[in-house]
Amino acid sequence: MRKAGDVTTTAEPVSTTAEPVTTVAEPRTSAYTPARAAAQLSAQPPGEPPATDAVTRRQELAAFLRSRRERISPEQVGLVRGARRRTPGLRREEVAQLSAVGVTWYTWLEQGRAIRVSAQVLDAIARALLMDPTERGHLFVLAGVVDPRPDDYECPLFSPTALRLMHTIAPYPATLQNARYDVLAHNRPFAQLFGELTELPPRERNCLWLLTTSEHWRESFLDRDEMLRDLIAKYRTGMAEHVAEPAWQERLDGLLRVSAEFRELWRRHEVATMSPHVKRYRHPEVGLLRLEHRNLWMAPQPQAHRLVAYVPADEETEQRLGRLAELA
């Protein structure tokens, strides 16, 4: 997000032709670490005013880009090293060519100048520098730009340990979800009770979508109307922190388009927070199940990636889940 007073000095130039690669050596810089960058950014010369937040972000973005560039060898991106290369990693000109942006513009970006940067160019730079999901996310945060494709980088946040925990919870149903209620993984008891979501298109593997559109969920969830109203209120609360992110808006637009019921509830502008609650479900073979929803957060951000466990609310439900586990 751009801060007041952060003046854009130039539009973002796009290179239309390949620019020649020079052999001028660049000074070697020390390896980037968040701790070292924070220490460098916090140090101010005596008598000078402290740096603004915008300046600090640009400086750390510059240091981060330099560190990522210097760790990539020419061979990794299909370039010839050459005999006279003294620059560690890639040259700025090479990153600019790989990203299809102007050399001058990319140089200014590494120098921490106040220039405009788009999500498309950040995406190209992240690809050129072979950034992993964590590095890519850090790049967009430092630049103050919303990542247009956050979905592509969410599943890797779940470690093998989180997946093992989800399966170990059986015979209790459990899922791994993100803040938009997308079901990214689930265990076998969840599939037995709510349906095998891997058979659905990825865009439909979402609790809010299924609660709104699925006939199976409408019939099986005895408190379905109350649950839908509550989930819509929670989605509105969560979306307030992600209002500029395309994935949140696309989900909302899709639901508004297909469901008159959703449109009516959304117009109420109700909000709600996460809290444990007991809901009733009907299974055709084991009968009534009363399950308490419990969340275990898997990331430092509130209401982000989480493990959702459906815990029996009484002894009868505990026994019926045991019988459900014995079914083929």
C-alpha atoms as a PDB file:
ATOM      1  CA  MET A   1       0.000   0.000   0.000  1.00  0.00           C
ATOM      2  CA  ARG A   2       1.413   3.400  -0.922  1.00  0.00           C
ATOM      3  CA  LYS A   3       1.842   5.822   1.936  1.00  0.00           C
ATOM      4  CA  ALA A   4       0.995   9.538   1.845  1.00  0.00           C
ATOM      5  CA  GLY A   5       3.992  11.495   0.701  1.00  0.00           C
ATOM      6  CA  ASP A   6       5.499   8.564  -1.180  1.00  0.00           C
ATOM      7  CA  VAL A   7       5.783  10.367  -4.512  1.00  0.00           C
ATOM      8  CA  THR A   8       6.104   8.356  -7.677  1.00  0.00           C
ATOM      9  CA  THR A   9       8.936   9.756  -9.729  1.00  0.00           C
ATOM     10  CA  THR A  10       8.468   7.772 -12.909  1.00  0.00           C
ATOM     11  CA  ALA A  11       6.144   5.341 -14.650  1.00  0.00           C
ATOM     12  CA  GLU A  12       7.322   1.796 -14.998  1.00  0.00           C
ATOM     13  CA  PRO A  13       9.122   1.410 -18.364  1.00  0.00           C
ATOM     14  CA  VAL A  14       8.836  -1.869 -20.199  1.00  0.00           C
ATOM     15  CA  SER A  15      11.658  -3.093 -22.365  1.00  0.00           C
ATOM     16  CA  THR A  16      10.514  -4.048 -25.869  1.00  0.00           C
ATOM     17  CA  THR A  17      13.887  -5.176 -27.125  1.00  0.00           C
ATOM     18  CA  ALA A  18      16.667  -7.141 -25.511  1.00  0.00           C
ATOM     19  CA  GLU A  19      19.325  -4.911 -24.011  1.00  0.00           C
ATOM     20  CA  PRO A  20      23.016  -5.778 -24.310  1.00  0.00           C
ATOM     21  CA  VAL A  21      24.617  -7.516 -21.347  1.00  0.00           C
ATOM     22  CA  THR A  22      27.639  -5.652 -20.038  1.00  0.00           C
ATOM     23  CA  THR A  23      30.608  -7.103 -18.248  1.00  0.00           C
ATOM     24  CA  VAL A  24      31.032  -4.341 -15.680  1.00  0.00           C
ATOM     25  CA  ALA A  25      31.618  -5.907 -12.283  1.00  0.00           C
ATOM     26  CA  GLU A  26      29.325  -4.956  -9.417  1.00  0.00           C
ATOM     27  CA  PRO A  27      30.442  -4.649  -5.822  1.00  0.00           C
ATOM     28  CA  ARG A  28      29.997  -7.782  -3.739  1.00  0.00           C
ATOM     29  CA  THR A  29      27.478  -7.390  -0.925  1.00  0.00           C
ATOM     30  CA  SER A  30      27.016  -9.464   2.184  1.00  0.00           C
ATOM     31  CA  ALA A  31      24.347 -12.137   2.334  1.00  0.00           C
ATOM     32  CA  TYR A  32      20.837 -10.984   3.142  1.00  0.00           C
ATOM     33  CA  THR A  33      19.172 -11.999   6.365  1.00  0.00           C
ATOM     34  CA  PRO A  34      16.111 -10.327   7.969  1.00  0.00           C
ATOM     35  CA  ALA A  35      18.082  -9.643  11.160  1.00  0.00           C
ATOM     36  CA  ARG A  36      20.991  -8.013   9.293  1.00  0.00           C
ATOM     37  CA  ALA A  37      18.627  -5.953   7.148  1.00  0.00           C
ATOM     38  CA  ALA A  38      16.707  -4.758  10.210  1.00  0.00           C
ATOM     39  CA  ALA A  39      19.945  -3.752  11.930  1.00  0.00           C
ATOM     40  CA  GLN A  40      21.154  -1.873   8.863  1.00  0.00           C
ATOM     41  CA  LEU A  41      17.849  -0.092   8.395  1.00  0.00           C
ATOM     42  CA  SER A  42      17.593   0.939  12.020  1.00  0.00           C
ATOM     43  CA  ALA A  43      21.041   2.571  12.020  1.00  0.00           C
ATOM     44  CA  GLN A  44      20.829   6.297  11.270  1.00  0.00           C
ATOM     45  CA  PRO A  45      23.744   8.743  10.927  1.00  0.00           C
ATOM     46  CA  PRO A  46      24.043  11.165  13.882  1.00  0.00           C
ATOM     47  CA  GLY A  47      21.914  14.257  13.512  1.00  0.00           C
ATOM     48  CA  GLU A  48      19.753  12.888  10.664  1.00  0.00           C
ATOM     49  CA  PRO A  49      15.988  12.321  11.034  1.00  0.00           C
ATOM     50  CA  PRO A  50      14.798   8.683  11.139  1.00  0.00           C
ATOM     51  CA  ALA A  51      13.776   7.072   7.866  1.00  0.00           C
ATOM     52  CA  THR A  52      10.071   6.933   7.036  1.00  0.00           C
ATOM     53  CA  ASP A  53       8.261   3.616   6.781  1.00  0.00           C
ATOM     54  CA  ALA A  54       8.157   3.946   2.977  1.00  0.00           C
ATOM     55  CA  VAL A  55      11.904   4.576   2.795  1.00  0.00           C
ATOM     56  CA  THR A  56      12.613   1.665   5.121  1.00  0.00           C
ATOM     57  CA  ARG A  57      10.513  -0.686   3.020  1.00  0.00           C
ATOM     58  CA  ARG A  58      12.228   0.400  -0.194  1.00  0.00           C
ATOM     59  CA  GLN A  59      15.650  -0.099   1.355  1.00  0.00           C
ATOM     60  CA  GLU A  60      14.811  -3.570   2.602  1.00  0.00           C
ATOM     61  CA  LEU A  61      13.229  -4.459  -0.738  1.00  0.00           C
ATOM     62  CA  ALA A  62      16.446  -3.351  -2.470  1.00  0.00           C
ATOM     63  CA  ALA A  63      18.601  -5.468  -0.129  1.00  0.00           C
ATOM     64  CA  PHE A  64      16.315  -8.468  -0.573  1.00  0.00           C
ATOM     65  CA  LEU A  65      16.407  -8.259  -4.381  1.00  0.00           C
ATOM     66  CA  ARG A  66      20.193  -7.958  -4.417  1.00  0.00           C
ATOM     67  CA  SER A  67      20.561 -10.995  -2.165  1.00  0.00           C
ATOM     68  CA  ARG A  68      18.244 -13.103  -4.338  1.00  0.00           C
ATOM     69  CA  ARG A  69      19.999 -11.999  -7.539  1.00  0.00           C
ATOM     70  CA  GLU A  70      23.467 -12.827  -6.220  1.00  0.00           C
ATOM     71  CA  ARG A  71      22.574 -16.393  -5.296  1.00  0.00           C
ATOM     72  CA  ILE A  72      21.332 -17.360  -8.814  1.00  0.00           C
ATOM     73  CA  SER A  73      23.992 -18.653 -11.199  1.00  0.00           C
ATOM     74  CA  PRO A  74      23.703 -17.893 -14.935  1.00  0.00           C
ATOM     75  CA  GLU A  75      23.475 -21.617 -15.664  1.00  0.00           C
ATOM     76  CA  GLN A  76      20.331 -21.913 -13.520  1.00  0.00           C
ATOM     77  CA  VAL A  77      18.430 -19.601 -15.878  1.00  0.00           C
ATOM     78  CA  GLY A  78      19.953 -20.791 -19.138  1.00  0.00           C
ATOM     79  CA  LEU A  79      22.627 -18.092 -19.567  1.00  0.00           C
ATOM     80  CA  VAL A  80      26.284 -18.483 -20.461  1.00  0.00           C
ATOM     81  CA  ARG A  81      28.648 -17.527 -17.637  1.00  0.00           C
ATOM     82  CA  GLY A  82      31.464 -16.110 -19.774  1.00  0.00           C
ATOM     83  CA  ALA A  83      35.153 -15.812 -18.920  1.00  0.00           C
ATOM     84  CA  ARG A  84      35.166 -12.265 -17.537  1.00  0.00           C
ATOM     85  CA  ARG A  85      32.290 -12.527 -15.072  1.00  0.00           C
ATOM     86  CA  ARG A  86      33.133 -11.189 -11.625  1.00  0.00           C
ATOM     87  CA  THR A  87      29.603 -10.420 -10.419  1.00  0.00           C
ATOM     88  CA  PRO A  88      28.285 -12.934  -7.869  1.00  0.00           C
ATOM     89  CA  GLY A  89      25.183 -14.496  -9.359  1.00  0.00           C
ATOM     90  CA  LEU A  90      23.258 -12.641 -12.045  1.00  0.00           C
ATOM     91  CA  ARG A  91      23.863  -9.133 -13.291  1.00  0.00           C
ATOM     92  CA  ARG A  92      21.117  -6.538 -13.044  1.00  0.00           C
ATOM     93  CA  GLU A  93      20.933  -6.407 -16.832  1.00  0.00           C
ATOM     94  CA  GLU A  94      20.277 -10.151 -16.929  1.00  0.00           C
ATOM     95  CA  VAL A  95      17.469  -9.953 -14.368  1.00  0.00           C
ATOM     96  CA  ALA A  96      15.919  -7.098 -16.360  1.00  0.00           C
ATOM     97  CA  GLN A  97      16.073  -9.126 -19.570  1.00  0.00           C
ATOM     98  CA  LEU A  98      14.598 -12.224 -17.911  1.00  0.00           C
ATOM     99  CA  SER A  99      11.794 -10.104 -16.406  1.00  0.00           C
ATOM    100  CA  ALA A 100      11.163  -8.059 -19.599  1.00  0.00           C
ATOM    101  CA  VAL A 101      11.616  -4.706 -17.829  1.00  0.00           C
ATOM    102  CA  GLY A 102      13.999  -1.846 -18.452  1.00  0.00           C
ATOM    103  CA  VAL A 103      17.518  -2.086 -17.038  1.00  0.00           C
ATOM    104  CA  THR A 104      17.349   1.449 -15.648  1.00  0.00           C
ATOM    105  CA  TRP A 105      14.026   0.796 -13.944  1.00  0.00           C
ATOM    106  CA  TYR A 106      15.231  -2.434 -12.340  1.00  0.00           C
ATOM    107  CA  THR A 107      18.441  -0.702 -11.210  1.00  0.00           C
ATOM    108  CA  TRP A 108      16.371   2.010  -9.532  1.00  0.00           C
ATOM    109  CA  LEU A 109      14.333  -0.681  -7.800  1.00  0.00           C
ATOM    110  CA  GLU A 110      17.509  -2.219  -6.349  1.00  0.00           C
ATOM    111  CA  GLN A 111      18.663   1.251  -5.320  1.00  0.00           C
ATOM    112  CA  GLY A 112      15.525   1.802  -3.244  1.00  0.00           C
ATOM    113  CA  ARG A 113      14.144   4.643  -5.329  1.00  0.00           C
ATOM    114  CA  ALA A 114      10.476   5.666  -5.042  1.00  0.00           C
ATOM    115  CA  ILE A 115       9.136   4.179  -8.271  1.00  0.00           C
ATOM    116  CA  ARG A 116       5.838   2.544  -9.119  1.00  0.00           C
ATOM    117  CA  VAL A 117       5.853  -1.262  -9.320  1.00  0.00           C
ATOM    118  CA  SER A 118       3.003  -3.458 -10.530  1.00  0.00           C
ATOM    119  CA  ALA A 119       1.969  -6.946  -9.481  1.00  0.00           C
ATOM    120  CA  GLN A 120       2.715  -8.230 -12.992  1.00  0.00           C
ATOM    121  CA  VAL A 121       6.316  -7.003 -12.871  1.00  0.00           C
ATOM    122  CA  LEU A 122       6.840  -8.372  -9.357  1.00  0.00           C
ATOM    123  CA  ASP A 123       5.549 -11.717 -10.584  1.00  0.00           C
ATOM    124  CA  ALA A 124       8.047 -11.637 -13.475  1.00  0.00           C
ATOM    125  CA  ILE A 125      10.920 -10.718 -11.148  1.00  0.00           C
ATOM    126  CA  ALA A 126       9.984 -13.466  -8.681  1.00  0.00           C
ATOM    127  CA  ARG A 127      10.057 -16.002 -11.521  1.00  0.00           C
ATOM    128  CA  ALA A 128      13.335 -14.692 -12.918  1.00  0.00           C
ATOM    129  CA  LEU A 129      14.973 -14.975  -9.485  1.00  0.00           C
ATOM    130  CA  LEU A 130      13.528 -18.465  -8.894  1.00  0.00           C
ATOM    131  CA  MET A 131      11.829 -17.418  -5.655  1.00  0.00           C
ATOM    132  CA  ASP A 132      10.019 -20.011  -3.579  1.00  0.00           C
ATOM    133  CA  PRO A 133       6.513 -19.273  -2.162  1.00  0.00           C
ATOM    134  CA  THR A 134       7.864 -17.737   1.062  1.00  0.00           C
ATOM    135  CA  GLU A 135      10.299 -15.469  -0.785  1.00  0.00           C
ATOM    136  CA  ARG A 136       7.633 -14.435  -3.273  1.00  0.00           C
ATOM    137  CA  GLY A 137       5.248 -13.513  -0.459  1.00  0.00           C
ATOM    138  CA  HIS A 138       7.989 -11.495   1.246  1.00  0.00           C
ATOM    139  CA  LEU A 139       8.694  -9.666  -2.025  1.00  0.00           C
ATOM    140  CA  PHE A 140       5.059  -8.582  -2.426  1.00  0.00           C
ATOM    141  CA  VAL A 141       4.796  -7.513   1.227  1.00  0.00           C
ATOM    142  CA  LEU A 142       7.919  -5.340   0.998  1.00  0.00           C
ATOM    143  CA  ALA A 143       6.646  -3.764  -2.232  1.00  0.00           C
ATOM    144  CA  GLY A 144       3.230  -3.084  -0.677  1.00  0.00           C
ATOM    145  CA  VAL A 145       1.482  -4.836  -3.576  1.00  0.00           C
ATOM    146  CA  VAL A 146      -1.252  -7.486  -3.415  1.00  0.00           C
ATOM    147  CA  ASP A 147      -0.233 -10.821  -4.917  1.00  0.00           C
ATOM    148  CA  PRO A 148      -2.763 -11.557  -7.709  1.00  0.00           C
ATOM    149  CA  ARG A 149      -2.221 -15.327  -7.444  1.00  0.00           C
ATOM    150  CA  PRO A 150      -2.075 -16.205  -3.720  1.00  0.00           C
ATOM    151  CA  ASP A 151      -3.848 -19.551  -4.219  1.00  0.00           C
ATOM    152  CA  ASP A 152      -0.873 -20.999  -6.066  1.00  0.00           C
ATOM    153  CA  TYR A 153       1.261 -20.708  -2.953  1.00  0.00           C
ATOM    154  CA  GLU A 154      -0.999 -21.789  -0.112  1.00  0.00           C
ATOM    155  CA  CYS A 155      -0.866 -25.583  -0.045  1.00  0.00           C
ATOM    156  CA  PRO A 156       2.934 -25.716   0.497  1.00  0.00           C
ATOM    157  CA  LEU A 157       2.431 -23.864   3.788  1.00  0.00           C
ATOM    158  CA  PHE A 158       1.118 -27.111   5.247  1.00  0.00           C
ATOM    159  CA  SER A 159       4.020 -29.216   6.405  1.00  0.00           C
ATOM    160  CA  PRO A 160       4.029 -33.021   6.360  1.00  0.00           C
ATOM    161  CA  THR A 161       3.599 -32.775  10.133  1.00  0.00           C
ATOM    162  CA  ALA A 162       0.317 -30.873   9.709  1.00  0.00           C
ATOM    163  CA  LEU A 163      -0.954 -33.467   7.238  1.00  0.00           C
ATOM    164  CA  ARG A 164      -0.004 -36.318   9.585  1.00  0.00           C
ATOM    165  CA  LEU A 165      -1.795 -34.592  12.433  1.00  0.00           C
ATOM    166  CA  MET A 166      -4.930 -34.236  10.318  1.00  0.00           C
ATOM    167  CA  HIS A 167      -4.960 -37.958   9.519  1.00  0.00           C
ATOM    168  CA  THR A 168      -4.040 -38.972  13.079  1.00  0.00           C
ATOM    169  CA  ILE A 169      -7.140 -37.228  14.429  1.00  0.00           C
ATOM    170  CA  ALA A 170      -9.286 -39.972  12.843  1.00  0.00           C
ATOM    171  CA  PRO A 171     -11.918 -41.218  13.601  1.00  0.00           C
ATOM    172  CA  TYR A 172     -12.711 -37.541  14.107  1.00  0.00           C
ATOM    173  CA  PRO A 173     -13.313 -35.624  10.858  1.00  0.00           C
ATOM    174  CA  ALA A 174     -10.703 -32.967  10.122  1.00  0.00           C
ATOM    175  CA  THR A 175      -9.646 -30.587   7.345  1.00  0.00           C
ATOM    176  CA  LEU A 176      -6.887 -28.128   6.517  1.00  0.00           C
ATOM    177  CA  GLN A 177      -8.383 -24.797   5.441  1.00  0.00           C
ATOM    178  CA  ASN A 178      -7.302 -21.273   4.569  1.00  0.00           C
ATOM    179  CA  ALA A 179      -8.898 -17.992   5.632  1.00  0.00           C
ATOM    180  CA  ARG A 180     -11.425 -18.146   2.755  1.00  0.00           C
ATOM    181  CA  TYR A 181     -12.698 -21.577   3.930  1.00  0.00           C
ATOM    182  CA  ASP A 182     -11.136 -23.405   0.987  1.00  0.00           C
ATOM    183  CA  VAL A 183     -10.672 -27.066   1.963  1.00  0.00           C
ATOM    184  CA  LEU A 184      -7.065 -27.782   1.000  1.00  0.00           C
ATOM    185  CA  ALA A 185      -6.970 -31.307   2.447  1.00  0.00           C
ATOM    186  CA  HIS A 186      -9.217 -33.587   4.495  1.00  0.00           C
ATOM    187  CA  ASN A 187      -9.092 -36.982   6.176  1.00  0.00           C
ATOM    188  CA  ARG A 188     -11.205 -40.073   5.501  1.00  0.00           C
ATOM    189  CA  PRO A 189     -13.837 -39.497   8.248  1.00  0.00           C
ATOM    190  CA  PHE A 190     -14.526 -36.048   6.783  1.00  0.00           C
ATOM    191  CA  ALA A 191     -15.073 -37.601   3.342  1.00  0.00           C
ATOM    192  CA  GLN A 192     -17.381 -40.269   4.821  1.00  0.00           C
ATOM    193  CA  LEU A 193     -19.504 -37.635   6.533  1.00  0.00           C
ATOM    194  CA  PHE A 194     -19.424 -34.645   4.170  1.00  0.00           C
ATOM    195  CA  GLY A 195     -18.429 -36.171   0.819  1.00  0.00           C
ATOM    196  CA  GLU A 196     -15.194 -36.775  -1.084  1.00  0.00           C
ATOM    197  CA  LEU A 197     -14.199 -33.235  -2.078  1.00  0.00           C
ATOM    198  CA  THR A 198     -11.328 -34.351  -4.323  1.00  0.00           C
ATOM    199  CA  GLU A 199     -14.013 -35.401  -6.821  1.00  0.00           C
ATOM    200  CA  LEU A 200     -15.079 -31.753  -7.166  1.00  0.00           C
ATOM    201  CA  PRO A 201     -13.361 -29.030  -9.224  1.00  0.00           C
ATOM    202  CA  PRO A 202     -10.851 -27.135  -7.034  1.00  0.00           C
ATOM    203  CA  ARG A 203     -12.918 -23.942  -7.070  1.00  0.00           C
ATOM    204  CA  GLU A 204     -15.870 -25.811  -5.477  1.00  0.00           C
ATOM    205  CA  ARG A 205     -13.848 -27.239  -2.571  1.00  0.00           C
ATOM    206  CA  ASN A 206     -14.941 -24.432  -0.297  1.00  0.00           C
ATOM    207  CA  CYS A 207     -17.155 -24.629   2.795  1.00  0.00           C
ATOM    208  CA  LEU A 208     -19.070 -21.442   2.005  1.00  0.00           C
ATOM    209  CA  TRP A 209     -19.652 -22.531  -1.587  1.00  0.00           C
ATOM    210  CA  LEU A 210     -20.829 -26.010  -0.573  1.00  0.00           C
ATOM    211  CA  LEU A 211     -23.032 -24.750   2.244  1.00  0.00           C
ATOM    212  CA  THR A 212     -24.689 -22.417  -0.253  1.00  0.00           C
ATOM    213  CA  THR A 213     -25.015 -24.697  -3.291  1.00  0.00           C
ATOM    214  CA  SER A 214     -24.695 -28.377  -2.276  1.00  0.00           C
ATOM    215  CA  GLU A 215     -27.913 -30.387  -1.900  1.00  0.00           C
ATOM    216  CA  HIS A 216     -26.003 -33.049   0.051  1.00  0.00           C
ATOM    217  CA  TRP A 217     -24.829 -30.482   2.588  1.00  0.00           C
ATOM    218  CA  ARG A 218     -28.302 -28.938   2.727  1.00  0.00           C
ATOM    219  CA  GLU A 219     -29.801 -32.308   3.666  1.00  0.00           C
ATOM    220  CA  SER A 220     -27.026 -33.494   5.994  1.00  0.00           C
ATOM    221  CA  PHE A 221     -26.468 -30.287   7.970  1.00  0.00           C
ATOM    222  CA  LEU A 222     -29.442 -30.031  10.322  1.00  0.00           C
ATOM    223  CA  ASP A 223     -28.454 -26.480  11.333  1.00  0.00           C
ATOM    224  CA  ARG A 224     -27.638 -25.492   7.770  1.00  0.00           C
ATOM    225  CA  ASP A 225     -29.503 -22.144   7.625  1.00  0.00           C
ATOM    226  CA  GLU A 226     -27.954 -20.915  10.866  1.00  0.00           C
ATOM    227  CA  MET A 227     -24.524 -22.145   9.765  1.00  0.00           C
ATOM    228  CA  LEU A 228     -24.767 -20.359   6.411  1.00  0.00           C
ATOM    229  CA  ARG A 229     -25.734 -17.057   8.004  1.00  0.00           C
ATOM    230  CA  ASP A 230     -22.881 -17.391  10.511  1.00  0.00           C
ATOM    231  CA  LEU A 231     -20.318 -18.341   7.859  1.00  0.00           C
ATOM    232  CA  ILE A 232     -21.280 -15.424   5.619  1.00  0.00           C
ATOM    233  CA  ALA A 233     -20.825 -13.069   8.574  1.00  0.00           C
ATOM    234  CA  LYS A 234     -17.381 -14.564   9.268  1.00  0.00           C
ATOM    235  CA  TYR A 235     -16.399 -14.266   5.608  1.00  0.00           C
ATOM    236  CA  ARG A 236     -17.316 -10.581   5.645  1.00  0.00           C
ATOM    237  CA  THR A 237     -15.231 -10.065   8.784  1.00  0.00           C
ATOM    238  CA  GLY A 238     -12.234 -11.839   7.258  1.00  0.00           C
ATOM    239  CA  MET A 239     -12.548 -10.076   3.922  1.00  0.00           C
ATOM    240  CA  ALA A 240     -12.107  -6.676   5.580  1.00  0.00           C
ATOM    241  CA  GLU A 241      -8.376  -7.449   5.851  1.00  0.00           C
ATOM    242  CA  HIS A 242      -8.169  -8.781   2.267  1.00  0.00           C
ATOM    243  CA  VAL A 243     -10.570  -6.507   0.399  1.00  0.00           C
ATOM    244  CA  ALA A 244      -8.047  -5.794  -2.386  1.00  0.00           C
ATOM    245  CA  GLU A 245      -7.146  -9.452  -2.992  1.00  0.00           C
ATOM    246  CA  PRO A 246      -8.657 -10.898  -6.189  1.00  0.00           C
ATOM    247  CA  ALA A 247      -9.212 -14.387  -4.738  1.00  0.00           C
ATOM    248  CA  TRP A 248     -11.545 -13.053  -2.023  1.00  0.00           C
ATOM    249  CA  GLN A 249     -13.514 -10.940  -4.487  1.00  0.00           C
ATOM    250  CA  GLU A 250     -13.782 -13.774  -7.016  1.00  0.00           C
ATOM    251  CA  ARG A 251     -15.274 -16.075  -4.385  1.00  0.00           C
ATOM    252  CA  LEU A 252     -17.768 -13.400  -3.352  1.00  0.00           C
ATOM    253  CA  ASP A 253     -18.727 -12.593  -6.956  1.00  0.00           C
ATOM    254  CA  GLY A 254     -19.322 -16.271  -7.712  1.00  0.00           C
ATOM    255  CA  LEU A 255     -21.631 -16.728  -4.733  1.00  0.00           C
ATOM    256  CA  LEU A 256     -23.543 -13.521  -5.458  1.00  0.00           C
ATOM    257  CA  ARG A 257     -24.008 -14.689  -9.026  1.00  0.00           C
ATOM    258  CA  VAL A 258     -25.403 -18.186  -8.300  1.00  0.00           C
ATOM    259  CA  SER A 259     -27.466 -17.756  -5.128  1.00  0.00           C
ATOM    260  CA  ALA A 260     -30.328 -15.397  -4.341  1.00  0.00           C
ATOM    261  CA  GLU A 261     -30.204 -16.649  -0.743  1.00  0.00           C
ATOM    262  CA  PHE A 262     -26.568 -15.625  -0.467  1.00  0.00           C
ATOM    263  CA  ARG A 263     -27.294 -12.200  -1.958  1.00  0.00           C
ATOM    264  CA  GLU A 264     -30.010 -11.572   0.621  1.00  0.00           C
ATOM    265  CA  LEU A 265     -27.821 -12.604   3.556  1.00  0.00           C
ATOM    266  CA  TRP A 266     -24.823 -10.630   2.259  1.00  0.00           C
ATOM    267  CA  ARG A 267     -26.907  -7.441   2.118  1.00  0.00           C
ATOM    268  CA  ARG A 268     -27.458  -7.676   5.893  1.00  0.00           C
ATOM    269  CA  HIS A 269     -23.808  -6.707   6.534  1.00  0.00           C
ATOM    270  CA  GLU A 270     -23.556  -9.003   9.551  1.00  0.00           C
ATOM    271  CA  VAL A 271     -20.136  -9.793  11.010  1.00  0.00           C
ATOM    272  CA  ALA A 272     -18.946 -12.559  13.333  1.00  0.00           C
ATOM    273  CA  THR A 273     -15.722 -13.931  14.790  1.00  0.00           C
ATOM    274  CA  MET A 274     -14.305 -17.438  15.154  1.00  0.00           C
ATOM    275  CA  SER A 275     -15.595 -19.354  18.181  1.00  0.00           C
ATOM    276  CA  PRO A 276     -16.154 -23.019  19.133  1.00  0.00           C
ATOM    277  CA  HIS A 277     -19.673 -24.205  18.381  1.00  0.00           C
ATOM    278  CA  VAL A 278     -21.662 -27.457  18.271  1.00  0.00           C
ATOM    279  CA  LYS A 279     -23.602 -28.390  15.133  1.00  0.00           C
ATOM    280  CA  ARG A 280     -25.794 -31.350  14.221  1.00  0.00           C
ATOM    281  CA  TYR A 281     -25.314 -33.636  11.229  1.00  0.00           C
ATOM    282  CA  ARG A 282     -27.273 -36.601   9.882  1.00  0.00           C
ATOM    283  CA  HIS A 283     -25.486 -39.606   8.409  1.00  0.00           C
ATOM    284  CA  PRO A 284     -27.645 -42.199   6.584  1.00  0.00           C
ATOM    285  CA  GLU A 285     -25.992 -45.176   8.321  1.00  0.00           C
ATOM    286  CA  VAL A 286     -24.929 -44.060  11.804  1.00  0.00           C
ATOM    287  CA  GLY A 287     -27.579 -41.404  12.449  1.00  0.00           C
ATOM    288  CA  LEU A 288     -27.361 -38.106  14.335  1.00  0.00           C
ATOM    289  CA  LEU A 289     -23.933 -36.653  15.105  1.00  0.00           C
ATOM    290  CA  ARG A 290     -23.317 -33.649  17.360  1.00  0.00           C
ATOM    291  CA  LEU A 291     -19.872 -32.210  16.581  1.00  0.00           C
ATOM    292  CA  GLU A 292     -17.963 -29.294  18.047  1.00  0.00           C
ATOM    293  CA  HIS A 293     -15.818 -27.306  15.608  1.00  0.00           C
ATOM    294  CA  ARG A 294     -12.300 -26.638  16.907  1.00  0.00           C
ATOM    295  CA  ASN A 295      -9.587 -24.601  15.112  1.00  0.00           C
ATOM    296  CA  LEU A 296      -5.822 -25.059  15.393  1.00  0.00           C
ATOM    297  CA  TRP A 297      -3.962 -22.198  13.688  1.00  0.00           C
ATOM    298  CA  MET A 298      -1.074 -23.253  11.428  1.00  0.00           C
ATOM    299  CA  ALA A 299       0.294 -19.760  10.686  1.00  0.00           C
ATOM    300  CA  PRO A 300       1.030 -16.658  12.769  1.00  0.00           C
ATOM    301  CA  GLN A 301      -1.660 -14.582  11.067  1.00  0.00           C
ATOM    302  CA  PRO A 302      -5.080 -14.678  12.785  1.00  0.00           C
ATOM    303  CA  GLN A 303      -7.780 -16.579  10.906  1.00  0.00           C
ATOM    304  CA  ALA A 304      -5.250 -17.829   8.361  1.00  0.00           C
ATOM    305  CA  HIS A 305      -4.312 -21.448   7.615  1.00  0.00           C
ATOM    306  CA  ARG A 306      -5.766 -23.786  10.187  1.00  0.00           C
ATOM    307  CA  LEU A 307      -6.639 -27.341  11.034  1.00  0.00           C
ATOM    308  CA  VAL A 308     -10.370 -27.706  11.692  1.00  0.00           C
ATOM    309  CA  ALA A 309     -11.327 -30.714  13.830  1.00  0.00           C
ATOM    310  CA  TYR A 310     -14.906 -31.919  14.356  1.00  0.00           C
ATOM    311  CA  VAL A 311     -14.895 -33.276  17.905  1.00  0.00           C
ATOM    312  CA  PRO A 312     -17.764 -35.344  19.400  1.00  0.00           C
ATOM    313  CA  ALA A 313     -19.931 -33.268  21.730  1.00  0.00           C
ATOM    314  CA  ASP A 314     -21.288 -36.322  23.596  1.00  0.00           C
ATOM    315  CA  GLU A 315     -20.631 -40.020  24.191  1.00  0.00           C
ATOM    316  CA  GLU A 316     -23.261 -41.146  21.709  1.00  0.00           C
ATOM    317  CA  THR A 317     -21.574 -39.221  18.900  1.00  0.00           C
ATOM    318  CA  GLU A 318     -18.216 -40.687  19.947  1.00  0.00           C
ATOM    319  CA  GLN A 319     -19.615 -44.211  19.558  1.00  0.00           C
ATOM    320  CA  ARG A 320     -21.257 -43.427  16.231  1.00  0.00           C
ATOM    321  CA  LEU A 321     -18.029 -42.013  14.806  1.00  0.00           C
ATOM    322  CA  GLY A 322     -16.378 -45.287  15.830  1.00  0.00           C
ATOM    323  CA  ARG A 323     -19.002 -47.215  13.856  1.00  0.00           C
ATOM    324  CA  LEU A 324     -18.522 -44.870  10.908  1.00  0.00           C
ATOM    325  CA  ALA A 325     -14.788 -45.686  10.915  1.00  0.00           C
ATOM    326  CA  GLU A 326     -15.600 -49.415  10.650  1.00  0.00           C
ATOM    327  CA  LEU A 327     -17.610 -48.950   7.461  1.00  0.00           C
ATOM    328  CA  ALA A 328     -15.877 -49.863   4.226  1.00  0.00           C
END
